[in-house]
Full PDB file with SEQRES, HELIX, SHEET, SSBOND, CRYST1, ORIGX, SCALE, CONECT and MASTER records, all heavy atoms in Angstrom:
SEQRES   1 A   37  ALA ASN TYR ALA ASP SER VAL LYS GLY ARG PHE THR ILE          
SEQRES   2 A   37  SER GLN ASP ASN ALA LYS LYS THR ALA TYR LEU GLN MET          
SEQRES   3 A   37  ASN SER LEU LYS HIS GLU GLU ALA ALA VAL TYR                  
HELIX    1 AA1 ASP A    5  VAL A    7  5                                   3    
HELIX    2 AA2 HIS A   31  GLU A   33  5                                   3    
SHEET    1 AA1 2 PHE A  11  ASP A  16  0                                        
SHEET    2 AA1 2 THR A  21  MET A  26 -1                                        
CRYST1    1.000    1.000    1.000  90.00  90.00  90.00 P 1           1          
ORIGX1      1.000000  0.000000  0.000000        0.00000                         
ORIGX2      0.000000  1.000000  0.000000        0.00000                         
ORIGX3      0.000000  0.000000  1.000000        0.00000                         
SCALE1      1.000000  0.000000  0.000000        0.00000                         
SCALE2      0.000000  1.000000  0.000000        0.00000                         
SCALE3      0.000000  0.000000  1.000000        0.00000                         
ATOM      1  N   ALA A   1      -6.725   2.035  -9.430  1.00  0.00           N  
ATOM      2  CA  ALA A   1      -5.474   2.269  -8.729  1.00  0.00           C  
ATOM      3  C   ALA A   1      -4.290   1.803  -9.566  1.00  0.00           C  
ATOM      4  O   ALA A   1      -4.416   0.941 -10.438  1.00  0.00           O  
ATOM      5  CB  ALA A   1      -5.482   1.546  -7.387  1.00  0.00           C  
ATOM      6  N   ASN A   2      -3.146   2.363  -9.288  1.00  0.00           N  
ATOM      7  CA  ASN A   2      -1.901   1.995  -9.945  1.00  0.00           C  
ATOM      8  C   ASN A   2      -0.881   1.617  -8.894  1.00  0.00           C  
ATOM      9  O   ASN A   2      -0.848   2.191  -7.808  1.00  0.00           O  
ATOM     10  CB  ASN A   2      -1.364   3.149 -10.792  1.00  0.00           C  
ATOM     11  CG  ASN A   2      -2.347   3.615 -11.841  1.00  0.00           C  
ATOM     12  OD1 ASN A   2      -2.702   2.877 -12.751  1.00  0.00           O  
ATOM     13  ND2 ASN A   2      -2.818   4.849 -11.699  1.00  0.00           N  
ATOM     14  N   TYR A   3      -0.025   0.670  -9.243  1.00  0.00           N  
ATOM     15  CA  TYR A   3       0.968   0.173  -8.307  1.00  0.00           C  
ATOM     16  C   TYR A   3       2.317   0.032  -8.978  1.00  0.00           C  
ATOM     17  O   TYR A   3       2.403  -0.256 -10.175  1.00  0.00           O  
ATOM     18  CB  TYR A   3       0.557  -1.187  -7.745  1.00  0.00           C  
ATOM     19  CG  TYR A   3      -0.754  -1.182  -7.006  1.00  0.00           C  
ATOM     20  CD1 TYR A   3      -1.946  -1.468  -7.661  1.00  0.00           C  
ATOM     21  CD2 TYR A   3      -0.801  -0.885  -5.645  1.00  0.00           C  
ATOM     22  CE1 TYR A   3      -3.154  -1.455  -6.988  1.00  0.00           C  
ATOM     23  CE2 TYR A   3      -2.006  -0.873  -4.966  1.00  0.00           C  
ATOM     24  CZ  TYR A   3      -3.178  -1.157  -5.637  1.00  0.00           C  
ATOM     25  OH  TYR A   3      -4.375  -1.144  -4.957  1.00  0.00           O  
ATOM     26  N   ALA A   4       3.355   0.242  -8.199  1.00  0.00           N  
ATOM     27  CA  ALA A   4       4.685  -0.095  -8.679  1.00  0.00           C  
ATOM     28  C   ALA A   4       4.745  -1.590  -8.949  1.00  0.00           C  
ATOM     29  O   ALA A   4       4.112  -2.387  -8.253  1.00  0.00           O  
ATOM     30  CB  ALA A   4       5.732   0.306  -7.652  1.00  0.00           C  
ATOM     31  N   ASP A   5       5.510  -1.960  -9.960  1.00  0.00           N  
ATOM     32  CA  ASP A   5       5.583  -3.371 -10.327  1.00  0.00           C  
ATOM     33  C   ASP A   5       6.022  -4.248  -9.157  1.00  0.00           C  
ATOM     34  O   ASP A   5       5.562  -5.386  -9.016  1.00  0.00           O  
ATOM     35  CB  ASP A   5       6.545  -3.562 -11.499  1.00  0.00           C  
ATOM     36  CG  ASP A   5       5.984  -3.033 -12.804  1.00  0.00           C  
ATOM     37  OD1 ASP A   5       4.760  -2.864 -12.911  1.00  0.00           O  
ATOM     38  OD2 ASP A   5       6.784  -2.790 -13.734  1.00  0.00           O  
ATOM     39  N   SER A   6       6.880  -3.711  -8.335  1.00  0.00           N  
ATOM     40  CA  SER A   6       7.434  -4.498  -7.246  1.00  0.00           C  
ATOM     41  C   SER A   6       6.421  -4.848  -6.161  1.00  0.00           C  
ATOM     42  O   SER A   6       6.656  -5.766  -5.373  1.00  0.00           O  
ATOM     43  CB  SER A   6       8.618  -3.762  -6.612  1.00  0.00           C  
ATOM     44  OG  SER A   6       8.208  -2.525  -6.047  1.00  0.00           O  
ATOM     45  N   VAL A   7       5.292  -4.128  -6.117  1.00  0.00           N  
ATOM     46  CA  VAL A   7       4.320  -4.365  -5.054  1.00  0.00           C  
ATOM     47  C   VAL A   7       2.994  -4.890  -5.570  1.00  0.00           C  
ATOM     48  O   VAL A   7       2.095  -5.168  -4.760  1.00  0.00           O  
ATOM     49  CB  VAL A   7       4.072  -3.090  -4.219  1.00  0.00           C  
ATOM     50  CG1 VAL A   7       5.390  -2.517  -3.715  1.00  0.00           C  
ATOM     51  CG2 VAL A   7       3.298  -2.050  -5.023  1.00  0.00           C  
ATOM     52  N   LYS A   8       2.856  -5.038  -6.866  1.00  0.00           N  
ATOM     53  CA  LYS A   8       1.606  -5.520  -7.431  1.00  0.00           C  
ATOM     54  C   LYS A   8       1.253  -6.895  -6.873  1.00  0.00           C  
ATOM     55  O   LYS A   8       2.088  -7.783  -6.791  1.00  0.00           O  
ATOM     56  CB  LYS A   8       1.687  -5.578  -8.956  1.00  0.00           C  
ATOM     57  CG  LYS A   8       1.647  -4.228  -9.629  1.00  0.00           C  
ATOM     58  CD  LYS A   8       1.696  -4.360 -11.149  1.00  0.00           C  
ATOM     59  CE  LYS A   8       1.617  -3.005 -11.818  1.00  0.00           C  
ATOM     60  NZ  LYS A   8       1.716  -3.106 -13.290  1.00  0.00           N  
ATOM     61  N   GLY A   9       0.008  -7.024  -6.499  1.00  0.00           N  
ATOM     62  CA  GLY A   9      -0.457  -8.279  -5.936  1.00  0.00           C  
ATOM     63  C   GLY A   9      -0.274  -8.393  -4.446  1.00  0.00           C  
ATOM     64  O   GLY A   9      -0.833  -9.304  -3.826  1.00  0.00           O  
ATOM     65  N   ARG A  10       0.500  -7.489  -3.863  1.00  0.00           N  
ATOM     66  CA  ARG A  10       0.758  -7.538  -2.424  1.00  0.00           C  
ATOM     67  C   ARG A  10       0.233  -6.314  -1.678  1.00  0.00           C  
ATOM     68  O   ARG A  10      -0.135  -6.417  -0.512  1.00  0.00           O  
ATOM     69  CB  ARG A  10       2.256  -7.682  -2.152  1.00  0.00           C  
ATOM     70  CG  ARG A  10       2.859  -8.971  -2.693  1.00  0.00           C  
ATOM     71  CD  ARG A  10       4.317  -9.130  -2.261  1.00  0.00           C  
ATOM     72  NE  ARG A  10       5.161  -8.066  -2.810  1.00  0.00           N  
ATOM     73  CZ  ARG A  10       5.766  -7.136  -2.073  1.00  0.00           C  
ATOM     74  NH1 ARG A  10       5.633  -7.129  -0.751  1.00  0.00           N  
ATOM     75  NH2 ARG A  10       6.518  -6.209  -2.655  1.00  0.00           N  
ATOM     76  N   PHE A  11       0.228  -5.159  -2.332  1.00  0.00           N  
ATOM     77  CA  PHE A  11      -0.220  -3.917  -1.705  1.00  0.00           C  
ATOM     78  C   PHE A  11      -1.566  -3.500  -2.286  1.00  0.00           C  
ATOM     79  O   PHE A  11      -1.845  -3.735  -3.465  1.00  0.00           O  
ATOM     80  CB  PHE A  11       0.777  -2.786  -1.943  1.00  0.00           C  
ATOM     81  CG  PHE A  11       2.074  -2.895  -1.185  1.00  0.00           C  
ATOM     82  CD1 PHE A  11       2.469  -4.076  -0.585  1.00  0.00           C  
ATOM     83  CD2 PHE A  11       2.897  -1.785  -1.078  1.00  0.00           C  
ATOM     84  CE1 PHE A  11       3.662  -4.173   0.106  1.00  0.00           C  
ATOM     85  CE2 PHE A  11       4.092  -1.858  -0.392  1.00  0.00           C  
ATOM     86  CZ  PHE A  11       4.481  -3.046   0.202  1.00  0.00           C  
ATOM     87  N   THR A  12      -2.365  -2.851  -1.458  1.00  0.00           N  
ATOM     88  CA  THR A  12      -3.657  -2.339  -1.895  1.00  0.00           C  
ATOM     89  C   THR A  12      -3.865  -0.938  -1.343  1.00  0.00           C  
ATOM     90  O   THR A  12      -3.753  -0.728  -0.139  1.00  0.00           O  
ATOM     91  CB  THR A  12      -4.807  -3.245  -1.435  1.00  0.00           C  
ATOM     92  OG1 THR A  12      -4.613  -4.578  -1.918  1.00  0.00           O  
ATOM     93  CG2 THR A  12      -6.135  -2.718  -1.972  1.00  0.00           C  
ATOM     94  N   ILE A  13      -4.173   0.001  -2.225  1.00  0.00           N  
ATOM     95  CA  ILE A  13      -4.473   1.358  -1.815  1.00  0.00           C  
ATOM     96  C   ILE A  13      -5.982   1.543  -1.798  1.00  0.00           C  
ATOM     97  O   ILE A  13      -6.689   1.041  -2.672  1.00  0.00           O  
ATOM     98  CB  ILE A  13      -3.794   2.390  -2.738  1.00  0.00           C  
ATOM     99  CG1 ILE A  13      -3.981   3.810  -2.201  1.00  0.00           C  
ATOM    100  CG2 ILE A  13      -4.313   2.286  -4.164  1.00  0.00           C  
ATOM    101  CD1 ILE A  13      -3.164   4.860  -2.967  1.00  0.00           C  
ATOM    102  N   SER A  14      -6.472   2.251  -0.816  1.00  0.00           N  
ATOM    103  CA  SER A  14      -7.898   2.496  -0.711  1.00  0.00           C  
ATOM    104  C   SER A  14      -8.126   3.794   0.047  1.00  0.00           C  
ATOM    105  O   SER A  14      -7.190   4.382   0.596  1.00  0.00           O  
ATOM    106  CB  SER A  14      -8.617   1.326  -0.021  1.00  0.00           C  
ATOM    107  OG  SER A  14      -8.143   1.156   1.302  1.00  0.00           O  
ATOM    108  N   GLN A  15      -9.366   4.229   0.083  1.00  0.00           N  
ATOM    109  CA  GLN A  15      -9.690   5.440   0.818  1.00  0.00           C  
ATOM    110  C   GLN A  15     -11.109   5.376   1.340  1.00  0.00           C  
ATOM    111  O   GLN A  15     -11.971   4.696   0.779  1.00  0.00           O  
ATOM    112  CB  GLN A  15      -9.504   6.689  -0.061  1.00  0.00           C  
ATOM    113  CG  GLN A  15     -10.409   6.746  -1.284  1.00  0.00           C  
ATOM    114  CD  GLN A  15     -10.035   7.863  -2.230  1.00  0.00           C  
ATOM    115  OE1 GLN A  15      -8.895   7.928  -2.688  1.00  0.00           O  
ATOM    116  NE2 GLN A  15     -10.979   8.745  -2.510  1.00  0.00           N  
ATOM    117  N   ASP A  16     -11.330   6.093   2.409  1.00  0.00           N  
ATOM    118  CA  ASP A  16     -12.643   6.218   3.011  1.00  0.00           C  
ATOM    119  C   ASP A  16     -12.933   7.705   3.093  1.00  0.00           C  
ATOM    120  O   ASP A  16     -12.393   8.408   3.953  1.00  0.00           O  
ATOM    121  CB  ASP A  16     -12.668   5.570   4.394  1.00  0.00           C  
ATOM    122  CG  ASP A  16     -14.055   5.536   5.012  1.00  0.00           C  
ATOM    123  OD1 ASP A  16     -14.856   6.460   4.765  1.00  0.00           O  
ATOM    124  OD2 ASP A  16     -14.351   4.588   5.754  1.00  0.00           O  
ATOM    125  N   ASN A  17     -13.770   8.179   2.202  1.00  0.00           N  
ATOM    126  CA  ASN A  17     -14.034   9.613   2.129  1.00  0.00           C  
ATOM    127  C   ASN A  17     -14.698  10.145   3.398  1.00  0.00           C  
ATOM    128  O   ASN A  17     -14.405  11.257   3.838  1.00  0.00           O  
ATOM    129  CB  ASN A  17     -14.897   9.928   0.907  1.00  0.00           C  
ATOM    130  CG  ASN A  17     -14.170   9.692  -0.398  1.00  0.00           C  
ATOM    131  OD1 ASN A  17     -12.946   9.793  -0.474  1.00  0.00           O  
ATOM    132  ND2 ASN A  17     -14.929   9.391  -1.449  1.00  0.00           N  
ATOM    133  N   ALA A  18     -15.588   9.364   3.965  1.00  0.00           N  
ATOM    134  CA  ALA A  18     -16.279   9.800   5.168  1.00  0.00           C  
ATOM    135  C   ALA A  18     -15.308   9.995   6.325  1.00  0.00           C  
ATOM    136  O   ALA A  18     -15.465  10.914   7.130  1.00  0.00           O  
ATOM    137  CB  ALA A  18     -17.363   8.800   5.544  1.00  0.00           C  
ATOM    138  N   LYS A  19     -14.320   9.127   6.419  1.00  0.00           N  
ATOM    139  CA  LYS A  19     -13.318   9.223   7.477  1.00  0.00           C  
ATOM    140  C   LYS A  19     -12.133  10.097   7.091  1.00  0.00           C  
ATOM    141  O   LYS A  19     -11.240  10.300   7.908  1.00  0.00           O  
ATOM    142  CB  LYS A  19     -12.829   7.833   7.859  1.00  0.00           C  
ATOM    143  CG  LYS A  19     -13.896   6.943   8.463  1.00  0.00           C  
ATOM    144  CD  LYS A  19     -13.315   5.595   8.855  1.00  0.00           C  
ATOM    145  CE  LYS A  19     -14.364   4.718   9.494  1.00  0.00           C  
ATOM    146  NZ  LYS A  19     -13.816   3.392   9.877  1.00  0.00           N  
ATOM    147  N   LYS A  20     -12.122  10.581   5.864  1.00  0.00           N  
ATOM    148  CA  LYS A  20     -11.031  11.410   5.347  1.00  0.00           C  
ATOM    149  C   LYS A  20      -9.694  10.712   5.522  1.00  0.00           C  
ATOM    150  O   LYS A  20      -8.683  11.304   5.929  1.00  0.00           O  
ATOM    151  CB  LYS A  20     -11.027  12.787   6.028  1.00  0.00           C  
ATOM    152  CG  LYS A  20     -12.299  13.579   5.819  1.00  0.00           C  
ATOM    153  CD  LYS A  20     -12.213  14.982   6.389  1.00  0.00           C  
ATOM    154  CE  LYS A  20     -12.154  14.950   7.898  1.00  0.00           C  
ATOM    155  NZ  LYS A  20     -12.167  16.328   8.480  1.00  0.00           N  
ATOM    156  N   THR A  21      -9.687   9.447   5.196  1.00  0.00           N  
ATOM    157  CA  THR A  21      -8.519   8.611   5.429  1.00  0.00           C  
ATOM    158  C   THR A  21      -8.197   7.768   4.206  1.00  0.00           C  
ATOM    159  O   THR A  21      -9.094   7.212   3.572  1.00  0.00           O  
ATOM    160  CB  THR A  21      -8.746   7.692   6.637  1.00  0.00           C  
ATOM    161  OG1 THR A  21      -8.993   8.481   7.801  1.00  0.00           O  
ATOM    162  CG2 THR A  21      -7.537   6.813   6.886  1.00  0.00           C  
ATOM    163  N   ALA A  22      -6.923   7.691   3.893  1.00  0.00           N  
ATOM    164  CA  ALA A  22      -6.425   6.790   2.866  1.00  0.00           C  
ATOM    165  C   ALA A  22      -5.639   5.677   3.537  1.00  0.00           C  
ATOM    166  O   ALA A  22      -5.062   5.866   4.617  1.00  0.00           O  
ATOM    167  CB  ALA A  22      -5.546   7.533   1.867  1.00  0.00           C  
ATOM    168  N   TYR A  23      -5.594   4.532   2.900  1.00  0.00           N  
ATOM    169  CA  TYR A  23      -4.938   3.372   3.470  1.00  0.00           C  
ATOM    170  C   TYR A  23      -3.981   2.749   2.463  1.00  0.00           C  
ATOM    171  O   TYR A  23      -4.157   2.859   1.251  1.00  0.00           O  
ATOM    172  CB  TYR A  23      -5.961   2.310   3.878  1.00  0.00           C  
ATOM    173  CG  TYR A  23      -7.024   2.792   4.832  1.00  0.00           C  
ATOM    174  CD1 TYR A  23      -8.255   3.235   4.358  1.00  0.00           C  
ATOM    175  CD2 TYR A  23      -6.798   2.811   6.206  1.00  0.00           C  
ATOM    176  CE1 TYR A  23      -9.234   3.673   5.228  1.00  0.00           C  
ATOM    177  CE2 TYR A  23      -7.775   3.254   7.081  1.00  0.00           C  
ATOM    178  CZ  TYR A  23      -8.984   3.681   6.593  1.00  0.00           C  
ATOM    179  OH  TYR A  23      -9.956   4.116   7.462  1.00  0.00           O  
ATOM    180  N   LEU A  24      -2.992   2.087   3.000  1.00  0.00           N  
ATOM    181  CA  LEU A  24      -2.121   1.249   2.198  1.00  0.00           C  
ATOM    182  C   LEU A  24      -1.950  -0.066   2.940  1.00  0.00           C  
ATOM    183  O   LEU A  24      -1.268  -0.122   3.966  1.00  0.00           O  
ATOM    184  CB  LEU A  24      -0.762   1.899   1.950  1.00  0.00           C  
ATOM    185  CG  LEU A  24       0.180   1.103   1.045  1.00  0.00           C  
ATOM    186  CD1 LEU A  24      -0.378   1.046  -0.381  1.00  0.00           C  
ATOM    187  CD2 LEU A  24       1.577   1.701   1.042  1.00  0.00           C  
ATOM    188  N   GLN A  25      -2.604  -1.092   2.440  1.00  0.00           N  
ATOM    189  CA  GLN A  25      -2.462  -2.422   2.999  1.00  0.00           C  
ATOM    190  C   GLN A  25      -1.249  -3.081   2.359  1.00  0.00           C  
ATOM    191  O   GLN A  25      -1.180  -3.196   1.136  1.00  0.00           O  
ATOM    192  CB  GLN A  25      -3.718  -3.253   2.739  1.00  0.00           C  
ATOM    193  CG  GLN A  25      -3.640  -4.691   3.233  1.00  0.00           C  
ATOM    194  CD  GLN A  25      -3.582  -4.797   4.735  1.00  0.00           C  
ATOM    195  OE1 GLN A  25      -4.343  -4.121   5.432  1.00  0.00           O  
ATOM    196  NE2 GLN A  25      -2.682  -5.620   5.249  1.00  0.00           N  
ATOM    197  N   MET A  26      -0.319  -3.512   3.176  1.00  0.00           N  
ATOM    198  CA  MET A  26       0.921  -4.090   2.693  1.00  0.00           C  
ATOM    199  C   MET A  26       1.036  -5.514   3.216  1.00  0.00           C  
ATOM    200  O   MET A  26       1.101  -5.734   4.424  1.00  0.00           O  
ATOM    201  CB  MET A  26       2.125  -3.266   3.141  1.00  0.00           C  
ATOM    202  CG  MET A  26       2.026  -1.786   2.779  1.00  0.00           C  
ATOM    203  SD  MET A  26       3.533  -0.859   3.194  1.00  0.00           S  
ATOM    204  CE  MET A  26       3.524  -1.042   4.981  1.00  0.00           C  
ATOM    205  N   ASN A  27       1.060  -6.456   2.302  1.00  0.00           N  
ATOM    206  CA  ASN A  27       1.171  -7.864   2.652  1.00  0.00           C  
ATOM    207  C   ASN A  27       2.488  -8.429   2.143  1.00  0.00           C  
ATOM    208  O   ASN A  27       3.083  -7.921   1.204  1.00  0.00           O  
ATOM    209  CB  ASN A  27       0.002  -8.654   2.056  1.00  0.00           C  
ATOM    210  CG  ASN A  27      -1.340  -8.228   2.599  1.00  0.00           C  
ATOM    211  OD1 ASN A  27      -1.456  -7.803   3.748  1.00  0.00           O  
ATOM    212  ND2 ASN A  27      -2.377  -8.341   1.771  1.00  0.00           N  
ATOM    213  N   SER A  28       2.907  -9.508   2.766  1.00  0.00           N  
ATOM    214  CA  SER A  28       4.130 -10.208   2.372  1.00  0.00           C  
ATOM    215  C   SER A  28       5.305  -9.248   2.247  1.00  0.00           C  
ATOM    216  O   SER A  28       6.027  -9.224   1.243  1.00  0.00           O  
ATOM    217  CB  SER A  28       3.906 -10.962   1.052  1.00  0.00           C  
ATOM    218  OG  SER A  28       2.847 -11.892   1.167  1.00  0.00           O  
ATOM    219  N   LEU A  29       5.505  -8.467   3.274  1.00  0.00           N  
ATOM    220  CA  LEU A  29       6.549  -7.455   3.245  1.00  0.00           C  
ATOM    221  C   LEU A  29       7.938  -8.072   3.145  1.00  0.00           C  
ATOM    222  O   LEU A  29       8.218  -9.112   3.751  1.00  0.00           O  
ATOM    223  CB  LEU A  29       6.461  -6.569   4.478  1.00  0.00           C  
ATOM    224  CG  LEU A  29       5.390  -5.481   4.409  1.00  0.00           C  
ATOM    225  CD1 LEU A  29       5.063  -4.957   5.798  1.00  0.00           C  
ATOM    226  CD2 LEU A  29       5.863  -4.345   3.501  1.00  0.00           C  
ATOM    227  N   LYS A  30       8.781  -7.413   2.392  1.00  0.00           N  
ATOM    228  CA  LYS A  30      10.148  -7.843   2.192  1.00  0.00           C  
ATOM    229  C   LYS A  30      11.102  -6.946   2.963  1.00  0.00           C  
ATOM    230  O   LYS A  30      10.806  -5.780   3.230  1.00  0.00           O  
ATOM    231  CB  LYS A  30      10.497  -7.815   0.701  1.00  0.00           C  
ATOM    232  CG  LYS A  30       9.576  -8.662  -0.168  1.00  0.00           C  
ATOM    233  CD  LYS A  30       9.891  -8.475  -1.645  1.00  0.00           C  
ATOM    234  CE  LYS A  30       8.965  -9.304  -2.511  1.00  0.00           C  
ATOM    235  NZ  LYS A  30       9.255  -9.109  -3.952  1.00  0.00           N  
ATOM    236  N   HIS A  31      12.262  -7.481   3.285  1.00  0.00           N  
ATOM    237  CA  HIS A  31      13.239  -6.737   4.054  1.00  0.00           C  
ATOM    238  C   HIS A  31      13.616  -5.432   3.361  1.00  0.00           C  
ATOM    239  O   HIS A  31      13.773  -4.389   4.015  1.00  0.00           O  
ATOM    240  CB  HIS A  31      14.487  -7.585   4.289  1.00  0.00           C  
ATOM    241  CG  HIS A  31      15.569  -6.873   5.028  1.00  0.00           C  
ATOM    242  ND1 HIS A  31      15.492  -6.586   6.374  1.00  0.00           N  
ATOM    243  CD2 HIS A  31      16.757  -6.362   4.601  1.00  0.00           C  
ATOM    244  CE1 HIS A  31      16.574  -5.952   6.753  1.00  0.00           C  
ATOM    245  NE2 HIS A  31      17.367  -5.797   5.689  1.00  0.00           N  
ATOM    246  N   GLU A  32      13.764  -5.470   2.051  1.00  0.00           N  
ATOM    247  CA  GLU A  32      14.187  -4.293   1.311  1.00  0.00           C  
ATOM    248  C   GLU A  32      13.118  -3.212   1.212  1.00  0.00           C  
ATOM    249  O   GLU A  32      13.385  -2.120   0.701  1.00  0.00           O  
ATOM    250  CB  GLU A  32      14.653  -4.687  -0.106  1.00  0.00           C  
ATOM    251  CG  GLU A  32      13.588  -5.380  -0.943  1.00  0.00           C  
ATOM    252  CD  GLU A  32      13.663  -6.892  -0.856  1.00  0.00           C  
ATOM    253  OE1 GLU A  32      14.079  -7.406   0.210  1.00  0.00           O  
ATOM    254  OE2 GLU A  32      13.322  -7.557  -1.852  1.00  0.00           O  
ATOM    255  N   GLU A  33      11.924  -3.504   1.705  1.00  0.00           N  
ATOM    256  CA  GLU A  33      10.850  -2.522   1.670  1.00  0.00           C  
ATOM    257  C   GLU A  33      10.764  -1.692   2.948  1.00  0.00           C  
ATOM    258  O   GLU A  33       9.837  -0.894   3.106  1.00  0.00           O  
ATOM    259  CB  GLU A  33       9.519  -3.215   1.379  1.00  0.00           C  
ATOM    260  CG  GLU A  33       9.462  -3.777  -0.036  1.00  0.00           C  
ATOM    261  CD  GLU A  33       8.208  -4.551  -0.343  1.00  0.00           C  
ATOM    262  OE1 GLU A  33       7.767  -5.347   0.522  1.00  0.00           O  
ATOM    263  OE2 GLU A  33       7.656  -4.368  -1.448  1.00  0.00           O  
ATOM    264  N   ALA A  34      11.703  -1.871   3.835  1.00  0.00           N  
ATOM    265  CA  ALA A  34      11.791  -1.003   4.998  1.00  0.00           C  
ATOM    266  C   ALA A  34      12.075   0.417   4.522  1.00  0.00           C  
ATOM    267  O   ALA A  34      12.981   0.645   3.717  1.00  0.00           O  
ATOM    268  CB  ALA A  34      12.884  -1.484   5.939  1.00  0.00           C  
ATOM    269  N   ALA A  35      11.300   1.352   5.000  1.00  0.00           N  
ATOM    270  CA  ALA A  35      11.421   2.730   4.546  1.00  0.00           C  
ATOM    271  C   ALA A  35      10.469   3.600   5.351  1.00  0.00           C  
ATOM    272  O   ALA A  35       9.660   3.105   6.137  1.00  0.00           O  
ATOM    273  CB  ALA A  35      11.090   2.837   3.052  1.00  0.00           C  
ATOM    274  N   VAL A  36      10.588   4.899   5.142  1.00  0.00           N  
ATOM    275  CA  VAL A  36       9.571   5.815   5.630  1.00  0.00           C  
ATOM    276  C   VAL A  36       8.527   5.951   4.532  1.00  0.00           C  
ATOM    277  O   VAL A  36       8.862   6.246   3.383  1.00  0.00           O  
ATOM    278  CB  VAL A  36      10.155   7.190   5.988  1.00  0.00           C  
ATOM    279  CG1 VAL A  36       9.045   8.140   6.428  1.00  0.00           C  
ATOM    280  CG2 VAL A  36      11.197   7.051   7.091  1.00  0.00           C  
ATOM    281  N   TYR A  37       7.296   5.735   4.883  1.00  0.00           N  
ATOM    282  CA  TYR A  37       6.206   5.794   3.928  1.00  0.00           C  
ATOM    283  C   TYR A  37       5.428   7.089   4.109  1.00  0.00           C  
ATOM    284  O   TYR A  37       5.066   7.462   5.228  1.00  0.00           O  
ATOM    285  CB  TYR A  37       5.275   4.588   4.102  1.00  0.00           C  
ATOM    286  CG  TYR A  37       5.848   3.303   3.550  1.00  0.00           C  
ATOM    287  CD1 TYR A  37       6.908   2.664   4.187  1.00  0.00           C  
ATOM    288  CD2 TYR A  37       5.339   2.738   2.381  1.00  0.00           C  
ATOM    289  CE1 TYR A  37       7.449   1.498   3.674  1.00  0.00           C  
ATOM    290  CE2 TYR A  37       5.873   1.567   1.864  1.00  0.00           C  
ATOM    291  CZ  TYR A  37       6.925   0.952   2.512  1.00  0.00           C  
ATOM    292  OH  TYR A  37       7.454  -0.209   2.000  1.00  0.00           O  
TER     293      TYR A  37                                                      
MASTER        0    0    0    2    2    0    0    6  292    1    0    3          
END                                                                             
């Protein structure tokens, strides 16, 4: 996986092929990271 420098160490991307679902785990969220994802 690759991450923007600003989120390295805090965000994790993953996927579950059986569930046909991708995930983005976001930890230690900052105020400036409010957005539509």
